[in-house]
Amino acid sequence: MEAGAPGEGNFLIRKSTMIMKNERKIEDVYKIDKKPLGTGAYGVVSRVKHKETGQIRAVKKVARKKIKNMERFK
């Protein structure tokens, strides 16, 4: 069964579903846990809580200097 197959009860994952443009600082939108979930070569993953909706998410903060192709993220 393939994600997004019609009539199968699945959904198609799109970039627009996962990535939303936000001009505000991440700290203004989310309450970030002090202890990270994990770290890697490109950034730190933290558990966050959306301040308005209360939704729990994982956010990866990546240093801009680590991004080679910024157009890919726009």
C-alpha atoms as a PDB file:
ATOM      1  CA  MET A   1       0.000   0.000   0.000  1.00  0.00           C
ATOM      2  CA  GLU A   2       1.431   3.349  -1.018  1.00  0.00           C
ATOM      3  CA  ALA A   3       0.945   6.596   0.912  1.00  0.00           C
ATOM      4  CA  GLY A   4      -1.550   8.734  -0.917  1.00  0.00           C
ATOM      5  CA  ALA A   5      -3.273   5.903  -2.775  1.00  0.00           C
ATOM      6  CA  PRO A   6      -6.895   6.967  -3.420  1.00  0.00           C
ATOM      7  CA  GLY A   7      -9.555   5.201  -1.389  1.00  0.00           C
ATOM      8  CA  GLU A   8      -7.080   3.517   0.933  1.00  0.00           C
ATOM      9  CA  GLY A   9      -7.484   5.911   3.871  1.00  0.00           C
ATOM     10  CA  ASN A  10      -3.902   7.121   3.450  1.00  0.00           C
ATOM     11  CA  PHE A  11      -2.698  10.649   2.986  1.00  0.00           C
ATOM     12  CA  LEU A  12      -0.097  12.281   0.824  1.00  0.00           C
ATOM     13  CA  ILE A  13       2.692  14.099   2.631  1.00  0.00           C
ATOM     14  CA  ARG A  14       3.573  17.376   0.975  1.00  0.00           C
ATOM     15  CA  LYS A  15       6.185  19.999   1.807  1.00  0.00           C
ATOM     16  CA  SER A  16       3.372  22.514   2.400  1.00  0.00           C
ATOM     17  CA  THR A  17       1.904  20.218   5.066  1.00  0.00           C
ATOM     18  CA  MET A  18       5.150  19.927   6.994  1.00  0.00           C
ATOM     19  CA  ILE A  19       6.877  23.273   6.499  1.00  0.00           C
ATOM     20  CA  MET A  20       5.225  26.588   7.188  1.00  0.00           C
ATOM     21  CA  LYS A  21       6.934  29.915   6.592  1.00  0.00           C
ATOM     22  CA  ASN A  22       7.215  31.821   9.820  1.00  0.00           C
ATOM     23  CA  GLU A  23       8.873  35.207  10.225  1.00  0.00           C
ATOM     24  CA  ARG A  24       8.733  35.146  14.034  1.00  0.00           C
ATOM     25  CA  LYS A  25      11.455  33.837  16.333  1.00  0.00           C
ATOM     26  CA  ILE A  26      10.932  30.193  17.205  1.00  0.00           C
ATOM     27  CA  GLU A  27      10.936  31.089  20.908  1.00  0.00           C
ATOM     28  CA  ASP A  28       7.922  33.376  20.314  1.00  0.00           C
ATOM     29  CA  VAL A  29       5.907  30.525  18.773  1.00  0.00           C
ATOM     30  CA  TYR A  30       6.997  27.507  20.847  1.00  0.00           C
ATOM     31  CA  LYS A  31       7.978  26.727  24.407  1.00  0.00           C
ATOM     32  CA  ILE A  32      11.193  24.747  23.946  1.00  0.00           C
ATOM     33  CA  ASP A  33      12.207  22.042  26.430  1.00  0.00           C
ATOM     34  CA  LYS A  34      15.627  22.684  27.917  1.00  0.00           C
ATOM     35  CA  LYS A  35      16.865  19.107  27.407  1.00  0.00           C
ATOM     36  CA  PRO A  36      17.265  18.266  23.692  1.00  0.00           C
ATOM     37  CA  LEU A  37      15.928  14.999  22.281  1.00  0.00           C
ATOM     38  CA  GLY A  38      19.056  14.582  20.199  1.00  0.00           C
ATOM     39  CA  THR A  39      21.952  16.280  18.473  1.00  0.00           C
ATOM     40  CA  GLY A  40      23.697  15.692  15.182  1.00  0.00           C
ATOM     41  CA  ALA A  41      26.140  17.149  12.714  1.00  0.00           C
ATOM     42  CA  TYR A  42      23.608  19.680  11.416  1.00  0.00           C
ATOM     43  CA  GLY A  43      21.568  20.692  14.446  1.00  0.00           C
ATOM     44  CA  VAL A  44      19.671  19.967  17.633  1.00  0.00           C
ATOM     45  CA  VAL A  45      16.236  18.335  17.913  1.00  0.00           C
ATOM     46  CA  SER A  46      14.045  19.554  20.756  1.00  0.00           C
ATOM     47  CA  ARG A  47      10.552  18.815  22.026  1.00  0.00           C
ATOM     48  CA  VAL A  48       8.406  21.930  21.763  1.00  0.00           C
ATOM     49  CA  LYS A  49       4.877  22.994  22.647  1.00  0.00           C
ATOM     50  CA  HIS A  50       3.025  25.466  20.450  1.00  0.00           C
ATOM     51  CA  LYS A  51       2.089  28.388  22.685  1.00  0.00           C
ATOM     52  CA  GLU A  52      -1.320  28.994  21.051  1.00  0.00           C
ATOM     53  CA  THR A  53      -2.560  25.469  20.262  1.00  0.00           C
ATOM     54  CA  GLY A  54      -0.708  23.383  22.862  1.00  0.00           C
ATOM     55  CA  GLN A  55       0.343  20.967  20.115  1.00  0.00           C
ATOM     56  CA  ILE A  56       3.520  18.990  20.891  1.00  0.00           C
ATOM     57  CA  ARG A  57       6.097  18.731  18.117  1.00  0.00           C
ATOM     58  CA  ALA A  58       9.750  18.027  17.517  1.00  0.00           C
ATOM     59  CA  VAL A  59      11.753  20.867  16.000  1.00  0.00           C
ATOM     60  CA  LYS A  60      15.215  20.667  14.500  1.00  0.00           C
ATOM     61  CA  LYS A  61      17.221  23.868  14.739  1.00  0.00           C
ATOM     62  CA  VAL A  62      19.892  24.014  12.051  1.00  0.00           C
ATOM     63  CA  ALA A  63      22.690  26.588  11.966  1.00  0.00           C
ATOM     64  CA  ARG A  64      22.432  28.686   8.794  1.00  0.00           C
ATOM     65  CA  LYS A  65      26.143  28.195   8.126  1.00  0.00           C
ATOM     66  CA  LYS A  66      25.525  24.436   7.834  1.00  0.00           C
ATOM     67  CA  ILE A  67      23.006  24.887   4.988  1.00  0.00           C
ATOM     68  CA  LYS A  68      24.677  24.677   1.599  1.00  0.00           C
ATOM     69  CA  ASN A  69      21.553  25.248  -0.537  1.00  0.00           C
ATOM     70  CA  MET A  70      19.253  27.796   1.147  1.00  0.00           C
ATOM     71  CA  GLU A  71      16.871  27.779  -1.874  1.00  0.00           C
ATOM     72  CA  ARG A  72      15.920  24.218  -0.976  1.00  0.00           C
ATOM     73  CA  PHE A  73      14.335  25.480   2.241  1.00  0.00           C
ATOM     74  CA  LYS A  74      12.233  28.221   0.649  1.00  0.00           C
END
